[in-house]
Amino acid sequence: MKKPIMKRVIVVILILFIVYSGFATYNWLEGERIASRMLNDAIDISDIPLWELSDVGFVAESLIKTDATDELLRERITQYFFHARTLFYSSSMLHALTNDEKYWLFGTGMSNLQGFFTGVNNRLNMKEILTTNLNALKQMDDILEEILRINNLTLADAEKFLQLSGNLTVS
């Protein structure tokens, strides 16, 4: 009489284990789908800011040569600030999701660029500051033009971008 009860208990335990395993697998797969969506979203939101910032040096040079008004310079600098901020956020998300150092370095470079744009925007001599930093901005153009999407970023490019952004001065 004890053998049939023991068999039933074992069968119930096995059924519970199978149900739990199915539930755990489903939750794990759902987590993977969410992480994949977050990764794709972080890549997607960086497309336009990357494209816009890839000509920051060229635009700055053109605005200086044509003696653009301070209002126009301020508008462009503000737009570039927001693009750099978006890329900082995107890079931070990608670093958190992939733990890839290149995104941390690139995000730090974008944070430096944000700070530069903030500093330029708060000065009366914007053209002079942009002229002083024009070479570094053009070199940033070269790096950003090579990156079609942020997930194509290389560690070497991220390191070089970080170095260039660290060389920007507002004084």
N, C-alpha and C. Protein backbone atom coordinates (compact mmCIF):
# COMPACT_ATOMS: atom_id res chain seq x y z
N MET A 1 0.80 -1.18 0.00
CA MET A 1 0.00 0.00 0.00
C MET A 1 0.86 1.26 0.00
N LYS A 2 2.01 1.21 0.60
CA LYS A 2 2.88 2.37 0.66
C LYS A 2 3.54 2.63 -0.69
N LYS A 3 3.76 1.60 -1.50
CA LYS A 3 4.40 1.78 -2.78
C LYS A 3 3.56 2.62 -3.74
N PRO A 4 2.26 2.42 -3.88
CA PRO A 4 1.48 3.26 -4.79
C PRO A 4 1.47 4.74 -4.34
N ILE A 5 1.45 5.00 -3.05
CA ILE A 5 1.46 6.39 -2.56
C ILE A 5 2.80 7.03 -2.89
N MET A 6 3.86 6.30 -2.69
CA MET A 6 5.20 6.82 -2.98
C MET A 6 5.35 7.12 -4.47
N LYS A 7 4.82 6.26 -5.35
CA LYS A 7 4.88 6.49 -6.78
C LYS A 7 4.11 7.76 -7.15
N ARG A 8 2.96 7.95 -6.54
CA ARG A 8 2.15 9.14 -6.82
C ARG A 8 2.87 10.42 -6.36
N VAL A 9 3.51 10.36 -5.23
CA VAL A 9 4.24 11.52 -4.72
C VAL A 9 5.39 11.86 -5.67
N ILE A 10 6.10 10.84 -6.13
CA ILE A 10 7.20 11.06 -7.06
C ILE A 10 6.68 11.64 -8.38
N VAL A 11 5.57 11.13 -8.89
CA VAL A 11 4.98 11.63 -10.12
C VAL A 11 4.56 13.10 -9.94
N VAL A 12 3.93 13.43 -8.82
CA VAL A 12 3.51 14.82 -8.55
C VAL A 12 4.74 15.73 -8.48
N ILE A 13 5.78 15.29 -7.81
CA ILE A 13 7.01 16.09 -7.70
C ILE A 13 7.62 16.31 -9.08
N LEU A 14 7.65 15.26 -9.91
CA LEU A 14 8.19 15.40 -11.27
C LEU A 14 7.35 16.37 -12.11
N ILE A 15 6.03 16.28 -11.98
CA ILE A 15 5.15 17.19 -12.72
C ILE A 15 5.38 18.63 -12.26
N LEU A 16 5.48 18.84 -10.96
CA LEU A 16 5.76 20.19 -10.45
C LEU A 16 7.11 20.71 -10.94
N PHE A 17 8.09 19.83 -10.97
CA PHE A 17 9.41 20.22 -11.46
C PHE A 17 9.36 20.62 -12.94
N ILE A 18 8.64 19.86 -13.75
CA ILE A 18 8.52 20.16 -15.17
C ILE A 18 7.79 21.49 -15.37
N VAL A 19 6.72 21.73 -14.62
CA VAL A 19 5.98 22.99 -14.72
C VAL A 19 6.88 24.15 -14.32
N TYR A 20 7.60 24.00 -13.21
CA TYR A 20 8.50 25.05 -12.76
C TYR A 20 9.60 25.32 -13.79
N SER A 21 10.17 24.26 -14.37
CA SER A 21 11.21 24.42 -15.38
C SER A 21 10.67 25.17 -16.60
N GLY A 22 9.48 24.85 -17.02
CA GLY A 22 8.87 25.55 -18.15
C GLY A 22 8.65 27.03 -17.84
N PHE A 23 8.18 27.32 -16.65
CA PHE A 23 7.95 28.69 -16.23
C PHE A 23 9.27 29.46 -16.16
N ALA A 24 10.29 28.87 -15.58
CA ALA A 24 11.61 29.51 -15.47
C ALA A 24 12.22 29.75 -16.85
N THR A 25 12.09 28.80 -17.75
CA THR A 25 12.61 28.95 -19.10
C THR A 25 11.89 30.07 -19.83
N TYR A 26 10.58 30.13 -19.68
CA TYR A 26 9.79 31.20 -20.31
C TYR A 26 10.26 32.58 -19.79
N ASN A 27 10.42 32.71 -18.50
CA ASN A 27 10.87 33.99 -17.92
C ASN A 27 12.27 34.36 -18.42
N TRP A 28 13.15 33.39 -18.50
CA TRP A 28 14.50 33.65 -18.98
C TRP A 28 14.47 34.12 -20.44
N LEU A 29 13.68 33.44 -21.28
CA LEU A 29 13.58 33.82 -22.69
C LEU A 29 12.97 35.21 -22.83
N GLU A 30 11.98 35.53 -22.01
CA GLU A 30 11.37 36.86 -22.05
C GLU A 30 12.39 37.92 -21.66
N GLY A 31 13.20 37.64 -20.67
CA GLY A 31 14.28 38.56 -20.28
C GLY A 31 15.27 38.78 -21.41
N GLU A 32 15.60 37.72 -22.12
CA GLU A 32 16.50 37.84 -23.27
C GLU A 32 15.88 38.68 -24.38
N ARG A 33 14.58 38.52 -24.61
CA ARG A 33 13.90 39.32 -25.64
C ARG A 33 13.89 40.79 -25.25
N ILE A 34 13.65 41.08 -23.98
CA ILE A 34 13.64 42.46 -23.50
C ILE A 34 15.03 43.07 -23.64
N ALA A 35 16.07 42.34 -23.26
CA ALA A 35 17.44 42.84 -23.38
C ALA A 35 17.79 43.09 -24.85
N SER A 36 17.36 42.22 -25.73
CA SER A 36 17.62 42.39 -27.15
C SER A 36 16.91 43.64 -27.68
N ARG A 37 15.67 43.85 -27.26
CA ARG A 37 14.93 45.05 -27.68
C ARG A 37 15.61 46.31 -27.17
N MET A 38 16.07 46.27 -25.92
CA MET A 38 16.76 47.43 -25.35
C MET A 38 18.04 47.73 -26.12
N LEU A 39 18.77 46.70 -26.48
CA LEU A 39 20.00 46.86 -27.24
C LEU A 39 19.70 47.50 -28.60
N ASN A 40 18.69 46.98 -29.28
CA ASN A 40 18.32 47.54 -30.59
C ASN A 40 17.83 48.98 -30.46
N ASP A 41 17.09 49.29 -29.41
CA ASP A 41 16.61 50.65 -29.21
C ASP A 41 17.77 51.61 -28.95
N ALA A 42 18.74 51.18 -28.15
CA ALA A 42 19.91 52.02 -27.87
C ALA A 42 20.71 52.29 -29.14
N ILE A 43 20.77 51.32 -30.02
CA ILE A 43 21.46 51.50 -31.29
C ILE A 43 20.65 52.44 -32.19
N ASP A 44 19.35 52.22 -32.25
CA ASP A 44 18.48 53.02 -33.12
C ASP A 44 18.46 54.49 -32.74
N ILE A 45 18.41 54.80 -31.44
CA ILE A 45 18.30 56.21 -31.05
C ILE A 45 19.60 56.98 -31.31
N SER A 46 20.67 56.28 -31.60
CA SER A 46 21.94 56.97 -31.84
C SER A 46 22.16 57.30 -33.31
N ASP A 47 21.35 56.79 -34.20
CA ASP A 47 21.59 56.98 -35.64
C ASP A 47 21.62 58.45 -36.06
N ILE A 48 20.57 59.18 -35.75
CA ILE A 48 20.48 60.58 -36.18
C ILE A 48 21.53 61.44 -35.48
N PRO A 49 21.70 61.34 -34.15
CA PRO A 49 22.76 62.14 -33.52
C PRO A 49 24.15 61.84 -34.08
N LEU A 50 24.45 60.59 -34.40
CA LEU A 50 25.75 60.26 -35.00
C LEU A 50 25.91 60.96 -36.34
N TRP A 51 24.88 60.90 -37.13
CA TRP A 51 24.90 61.52 -38.45
C TRP A 51 25.05 63.04 -38.32
N GLU A 52 24.30 63.64 -37.42
CA GLU A 52 24.37 65.09 -37.22
C GLU A 52 25.73 65.54 -36.71
N LEU A 53 26.29 64.82 -35.76
CA LEU A 53 27.58 65.22 -35.19
C LEU A 53 28.76 64.93 -36.12
N SER A 54 28.53 64.13 -37.15
CA SER A 54 29.64 63.78 -38.04
C SER A 54 30.11 64.95 -38.90
N ASP A 55 29.41 66.07 -38.82
CA ASP A 55 29.87 67.25 -39.57
C ASP A 55 30.04 68.47 -38.68
N VAL A 56 30.23 68.26 -37.39
CA VAL A 56 30.34 69.38 -36.45
C VAL A 56 31.51 70.30 -36.80
N GLY A 57 32.64 69.75 -37.16
CA GLY A 57 33.80 70.57 -37.52
C GLY A 57 33.58 71.34 -38.81
N PHE A 58 33.02 70.68 -39.79
CA PHE A 58 32.74 71.31 -41.08
C PHE A 58 31.75 72.45 -40.90
N VAL A 59 30.68 72.23 -40.15
CA VAL A 59 29.66 73.25 -39.94
C VAL A 59 30.24 74.42 -39.14
N ALA A 60 31.00 74.10 -38.10
CA ALA A 60 31.62 75.17 -37.30
C ALA A 60 32.52 76.04 -38.18
N GLU A 61 33.32 75.40 -39.03
CA GLU A 61 34.20 76.15 -39.92
C GLU A 61 33.39 77.02 -40.89
N SER A 62 32.33 76.47 -41.43
CA SER A 62 31.48 77.24 -42.36
C SER A 62 30.83 78.42 -41.67
N LEU A 63 30.35 78.22 -40.46
CA LEU A 63 29.71 79.31 -39.73
C LEU A 63 30.71 80.41 -39.38
N ILE A 64 31.93 80.02 -39.05
CA ILE A 64 32.97 81.01 -38.73
C ILE A 64 33.34 81.80 -39.98
N LYS A 65 33.53 81.10 -41.11
CA LYS A 65 33.93 81.77 -42.36
C LYS A 65 32.87 82.72 -42.88
N THR A 66 31.61 82.37 -42.68
CA THR A 66 30.53 83.23 -43.18
C THR A 66 30.11 84.28 -42.16
N ASP A 67 30.86 84.36 -41.07
CA ASP A 67 30.59 85.33 -40.01
C ASP A 67 29.14 85.24 -39.52
N ALA A 68 28.74 84.02 -39.17
CA ALA A 68 27.38 83.77 -38.69
C ALA A 68 27.10 84.56 -37.42
N THR A 69 25.84 84.86 -37.21
CA THR A 69 25.45 85.60 -36.00
C THR A 69 25.61 84.72 -34.77
N ASP A 70 25.70 85.37 -33.62
CA ASP A 70 25.80 84.63 -32.37
C ASP A 70 24.55 83.78 -32.12
N GLU A 71 23.41 84.27 -32.56
CA GLU A 71 22.17 83.51 -32.38
C GLU A 71 22.20 82.20 -33.16
N LEU A 72 22.70 82.28 -34.40
CA LEU A 72 22.80 81.07 -35.23
C LEU A 72 23.82 80.10 -34.63
N LEU A 73 24.95 80.63 -34.19
CA LEU A 73 25.95 79.77 -33.54
C LEU A 73 25.38 79.10 -32.30
N ARG A 74 24.68 79.87 -31.49
CA ARG A 74 24.09 79.35 -30.26
C ARG A 74 23.07 78.24 -30.57
N GLU A 75 22.29 78.45 -31.63
CA GLU A 75 21.30 77.43 -32.01
C GLU A 75 21.98 76.12 -32.41
N ARG A 76 23.01 76.21 -33.27
CA ARG A 76 23.72 75.00 -33.70
C ARG A 76 24.41 74.31 -32.54
N ILE A 77 25.05 75.11 -31.67
CA ILE A 77 25.75 74.54 -30.53
C ILE A 77 24.77 73.83 -29.60
N THR A 78 23.58 74.42 -29.43
CA THR A 78 22.56 73.78 -28.59
C THR A 78 22.10 72.46 -29.20
N GLN A 79 21.91 72.44 -30.52
CA GLN A 79 21.53 71.19 -31.18
C GLN A 79 22.61 70.14 -31.01
N TYR A 80 23.86 70.54 -31.18
CA TYR A 80 24.96 69.59 -31.02
C TYR A 80 25.05 69.09 -29.58
N PHE A 81 24.75 69.97 -28.62
CA PHE A 81 24.74 69.55 -27.22
C PHE A 81 23.73 68.41 -27.03
N PHE A 82 22.52 68.57 -27.57
CA PHE A 82 21.50 67.55 -27.40
C PHE A 82 21.87 66.24 -28.12
N HIS A 83 22.52 66.35 -29.26
CA HIS A 83 22.97 65.14 -29.96
C HIS A 83 24.04 64.41 -29.14
N ALA A 84 24.97 65.17 -28.58
CA ALA A 84 26.01 64.56 -27.75
C ALA A 84 25.39 63.91 -26.51
N ARG A 85 24.38 64.56 -25.93
CA ARG A 85 23.72 63.99 -24.76
C ARG A 85 23.01 62.69 -25.12
N THR A 86 22.33 62.66 -26.26
CA THR A 86 21.66 61.44 -26.69
C THR A 86 22.66 60.31 -26.89
N LEU A 87 23.80 60.62 -27.50
CA LEU A 87 24.82 59.59 -27.71
C LEU A 87 25.45 59.15 -26.39
N PHE A 88 25.55 60.05 -25.43
CA PHE A 88 26.03 59.67 -24.10
C PHE A 88 25.06 58.66 -23.48
N TYR A 89 23.76 58.96 -23.53
CA TYR A 89 22.76 58.04 -22.98
C TYR A 89 22.77 56.70 -23.70
N SER A 90 22.83 56.74 -25.01
CA SER A 90 22.84 55.52 -25.81
C SER A 90 24.07 54.67 -25.48
N SER A 91 25.21 55.32 -25.39
CA SER A 91 26.45 54.61 -25.05
C SER A 91 26.38 54.00 -23.66
N SER A 92 25.79 54.74 -22.73
CA SER A 92 25.64 54.23 -21.37
C SER A 92 24.76 52.99 -21.34
N MET A 93 23.66 53.04 -22.11
CA MET A 93 22.78 51.87 -22.18
C MET A 93 23.51 50.68 -22.79
N LEU A 94 24.24 50.93 -23.87
CA LEU A 94 24.97 49.84 -24.54
C LEU A 94 26.06 49.27 -23.64
N HIS A 95 26.73 50.12 -22.90
CA HIS A 95 27.75 49.62 -21.97
C HIS A 95 27.11 48.76 -20.89
N ALA A 96 25.97 49.21 -20.37
CA ALA A 96 25.29 48.44 -19.33
C ALA A 96 24.80 47.09 -19.86
N LEU A 97 24.38 47.05 -21.11
CA LEU A 97 23.86 45.81 -21.69
C LEU A 97 24.94 44.86 -22.16
N THR A 98 26.07 45.40 -22.64
CA THR A 98 27.10 44.54 -23.23
C THR A 98 28.38 44.47 -22.41
N ASN A 99 28.55 45.43 -21.52
CA ASN A 99 29.77 45.54 -20.71
C ASN A 99 31.01 45.72 -21.60
N ASP A 100 30.81 46.30 -22.78
CA ASP A 100 31.90 46.55 -23.72
C ASP A 100 32.52 47.92 -23.42
N GLU A 101 33.82 47.93 -23.20
CA GLU A 101 34.53 49.14 -22.80
C GLU A 101 34.43 50.27 -23.82
N LYS A 102 34.32 49.92 -25.10
CA LYS A 102 34.28 50.95 -26.13
C LYS A 102 33.09 51.89 -25.94
N TYR A 103 31.98 51.37 -25.45
CA TYR A 103 30.81 52.22 -25.23
C TYR A 103 31.02 53.15 -24.04
N TRP A 104 31.71 52.67 -23.03
CA TRP A 104 32.01 53.53 -21.88
C TRP A 104 32.94 54.66 -22.30
N LEU A 105 33.98 54.34 -23.08
CA LEU A 105 34.92 55.36 -23.55
C LEU A 105 34.23 56.37 -24.45
N PHE A 106 33.41 55.88 -25.36
CA PHE A 106 32.70 56.77 -26.29
C PHE A 106 31.71 57.65 -25.52
N GLY A 107 31.02 57.07 -24.55
CA GLY A 107 30.08 57.84 -23.73
C GLY A 107 30.80 58.92 -22.94
N THR A 108 31.97 58.61 -22.42
CA THR A 108 32.76 59.60 -21.70
C THR A 108 33.19 60.72 -22.65
N GLY A 109 33.57 60.35 -23.87
CA GLY A 109 33.91 61.35 -24.87
C GLY A 109 32.73 62.24 -25.20
N MET A 110 31.55 61.65 -25.29
CA MET A 110 30.34 62.44 -25.56
C MET A 110 30.01 63.35 -24.38
N SER A 111 30.27 62.89 -23.18
CA SER A 111 30.07 63.72 -22.00
C SER A 111 31.02 64.92 -22.04
N ASN A 112 32.26 64.70 -22.44
CA ASN A 112 33.22 65.79 -22.61
C ASN A 112 32.73 66.78 -23.66
N LEU A 113 32.20 66.25 -24.77
CA LEU A 113 31.70 67.09 -25.84
C LEU A 113 30.50 67.92 -25.37
N GLN A 114 29.64 67.31 -24.59
CA GLN A 114 28.51 68.04 -23.99
C GLN A 114 29.03 69.21 -23.17
N GLY A 115 29.99 68.93 -22.32
CA GLY A 115 30.56 69.98 -21.48
C GLY A 115 31.17 71.10 -22.32
N PHE A 116 31.83 70.71 -23.40
CA PHE A 116 32.41 71.72 -24.30
C PHE A 116 31.32 72.61 -24.89
N PHE A 117 30.26 71.99 -25.39
CA PHE A 117 29.18 72.79 -25.99
C PHE A 117 28.51 73.69 -24.95
N THR A 118 28.36 73.20 -23.74
CA THR A 118 27.80 74.03 -22.68
C THR A 118 28.71 75.23 -22.41
N GLY A 119 30.01 74.97 -22.33
CA GLY A 119 30.96 76.04 -22.09
C GLY A 119 30.98 77.07 -23.21
N VAL A 120 30.94 76.62 -24.45
CA VAL A 120 30.93 77.53 -25.60
C VAL A 120 29.66 78.37 -25.58
N ASN A 121 28.56 77.74 -25.28
CA ASN A 121 27.27 78.43 -25.28
C ASN A 121 27.20 79.53 -24.22
N ASN A 122 27.98 79.41 -23.17
CA ASN A 122 27.97 80.38 -22.08
C ASN A 122 29.02 81.48 -22.23
N ARG A 123 29.71 81.53 -23.36
CA ARG A 123 30.77 82.52 -23.59
C ARG A 123 30.34 83.53 -24.65
N LEU A 124 30.92 84.68 -24.56
CA LEU A 124 30.65 85.72 -25.55
C LEU A 124 31.52 85.54 -26.80
N ASN A 125 32.67 84.90 -26.65
CA ASN A 125 33.61 84.71 -27.76
C ASN A 125 33.48 83.31 -28.38
N MET A 126 32.27 82.95 -28.77
CA MET A 126 32.02 81.61 -29.32
C MET A 126 32.86 81.32 -30.55
N LYS A 127 32.94 82.27 -31.46
CA LYS A 127 33.69 82.05 -32.70
C LYS A 127 35.16 81.79 -32.41
N GLU A 128 35.71 82.54 -31.47
CA GLU A 128 37.12 82.37 -31.11
C GLU A 128 37.37 80.98 -30.52
N ILE A 129 36.47 80.54 -29.65
CA ILE A 129 36.61 79.22 -29.02
C ILE A 129 36.49 78.12 -30.08
N LEU A 130 35.50 78.25 -30.96
CA LEU A 130 35.34 77.25 -32.02
C LEU A 130 36.56 77.23 -32.94
N THR A 131 37.10 78.40 -33.26
CA THR A 131 38.29 78.46 -34.11
C THR A 131 39.47 77.76 -33.44
N THR A 132 39.63 77.98 -32.16
CA THR A 132 40.72 77.35 -31.41
C THR A 132 40.60 75.83 -31.43
N ASN A 133 39.38 75.32 -31.40
CA ASN A 133 39.14 73.87 -31.31
C ASN A 133 38.77 73.24 -32.64
N LEU A 134 38.86 74.01 -33.72
CA LEU A 134 38.41 73.53 -35.03
C LEU A 134 39.13 72.26 -35.48
N ASN A 135 40.41 72.17 -35.26
CA ASN A 135 41.17 70.99 -35.68
C ASN A 135 40.65 69.73 -34.98
N ALA A 136 40.44 69.81 -33.67
CA ALA A 136 39.93 68.64 -32.93
C ALA A 136 38.52 68.28 -33.40
N LEU A 137 37.68 69.29 -33.64
CA LEU A 137 36.31 69.02 -34.11
C LEU A 137 36.32 68.34 -35.47
N LYS A 138 37.22 68.78 -36.36
CA LYS A 138 37.31 68.14 -37.68
C LYS A 138 37.80 66.70 -37.57
N GLN A 139 38.73 66.45 -36.65
CA GLN A 139 39.19 65.08 -36.45
C GLN A 139 38.06 64.21 -35.90
N MET A 140 37.20 64.79 -35.07
CA MET A 140 36.03 64.06 -34.58
C MET A 140 35.10 63.74 -35.75
N ASP A 141 34.96 64.69 -36.68
CA ASP A 141 34.16 64.43 -37.89
C ASP A 141 34.64 63.16 -38.58
N ASP A 142 35.96 63.07 -38.75
CA ASP A 142 36.54 61.92 -39.46
C ASP A 142 36.18 60.61 -38.77
N ILE A 143 36.24 60.60 -37.45
CA ILE A 143 35.91 59.37 -36.70
C ILE A 143 34.43 59.05 -36.84
N LEU A 144 33.59 60.06 -36.64
CA LEU A 144 32.15 59.82 -36.66
C LEU A 144 31.63 59.47 -38.05
N GLU A 145 32.27 59.98 -39.09
CA GLU A 145 31.84 59.65 -40.46
C GLU A 145 32.07 58.18 -40.78
N GLU A 146 33.05 57.57 -40.13
CA GLU A 146 33.35 56.16 -40.37
C GLU A 146 32.37 55.22 -39.67
N ILE A 147 31.70 55.73 -38.67
CA ILE A 147 30.79 54.90 -37.88
C ILE A 147 29.39 55.03 -38.46
N LEU A 148 28.94 54.03 -39.17
CA LEU A 148 27.60 54.09 -39.75
C LEU A 148 26.52 53.95 -38.67
N ARG A 149 26.77 53.07 -37.74
CA ARG A 149 25.89 52.89 -36.59
C ARG A 149 26.77 52.70 -35.37
N ILE A 150 26.24 53.00 -34.21
CA ILE A 150 27.06 52.99 -33.00
C ILE A 150 27.62 51.60 -32.70
N ASN A 151 26.94 50.55 -33.13
CA ASN A 151 27.46 49.21 -32.88
C ASN A 151 28.63 48.87 -33.81
N ASN A 152 28.94 49.74 -34.78
CA ASN A 152 30.12 49.58 -35.63
C ASN A 152 31.34 50.26 -35.03
N LEU A 153 31.17 50.92 -33.91
CA LEU A 153 32.26 51.62 -33.23
C LEU A 153 33.35 50.63 -32.84
N THR A 154 34.60 51.02 -33.05
CA THR A 154 35.72 50.18 -32.62
C THR A 154 36.33 50.77 -31.35
N LEU A 155 37.04 49.95 -30.64
CA LEU A 155 37.70 50.41 -29.42
C LEU A 155 38.71 51.51 -29.75
N ALA A 156 39.44 51.35 -30.84
CA ALA A 156 40.44 52.36 -31.24
C ALA A 156 39.77 53.71 -31.53
N ASP A 157 38.64 53.67 -32.24
CA ASP A 157 37.92 54.92 -32.52
C ASP A 157 37.38 55.55 -31.25
N ALA A 158 36.88 54.73 -30.34
CA ALA A 158 36.37 55.25 -29.07
C ALA A 158 37.48 55.90 -28.26
N GLU A 159 38.65 55.27 -28.24
CA GLU A 159 39.79 55.83 -27.51
C GLU A 159 40.24 57.15 -28.13
N LYS A 160 40.30 57.18 -29.46
CA LYS A 160 40.73 58.41 -30.14
C LYS A 160 39.70 59.52 -29.92
N PHE A 161 38.43 59.18 -29.98
CA PHE A 161 37.38 60.19 -29.76
C PHE A 161 37.48 60.74 -28.33
N LEU A 162 37.69 59.87 -27.38
CA LEU A 162 37.83 60.31 -25.98
C LEU A 162 39.02 61.25 -25.84
N GLN A 163 40.14 60.91 -26.46
CA GLN A 163 41.32 61.77 -26.38
C GLN A 163 41.03 63.13 -27.00
N LEU A 164 40.41 63.16 -28.18
CA LEU A 164 40.10 64.43 -28.84
C LEU A 164 39.14 65.27 -28.01
N SER A 165 38.14 64.63 -27.46
CA SER A 165 37.16 65.39 -26.66
C SER A 165 37.80 65.93 -25.41
N GLY A 166 38.78 65.25 -24.88
CA GLY A 166 39.50 65.74 -23.71
C GLY A 166 40.40 66.92 -24.02
N ASN A 167 40.75 67.10 -25.30
CA ASN A 167 41.60 68.20 -25.72
C ASN A 167 40.82 69.49 -25.99
N LEU A 168 39.49 69.40 -26.02
CA LEU A 168 38.68 70.60 -26.28
C LEU A 168 38.79 71.56 -25.09
N THR A 169 38.99 72.84 -25.38
CA THR A 169 39.10 73.84 -24.33
C THR A 169 38.13 74.99 -24.58
N VAL A 170 37.68 75.57 -23.51
CA VAL A 170 36.72 76.67 -23.62
C VAL A 170 37.37 77.98 -23.18
N SER A 171 38.58 77.94 -22.71
CA SER A 171 39.20 79.19 -22.23
C SER A 171 39.88 79.98 -23.32
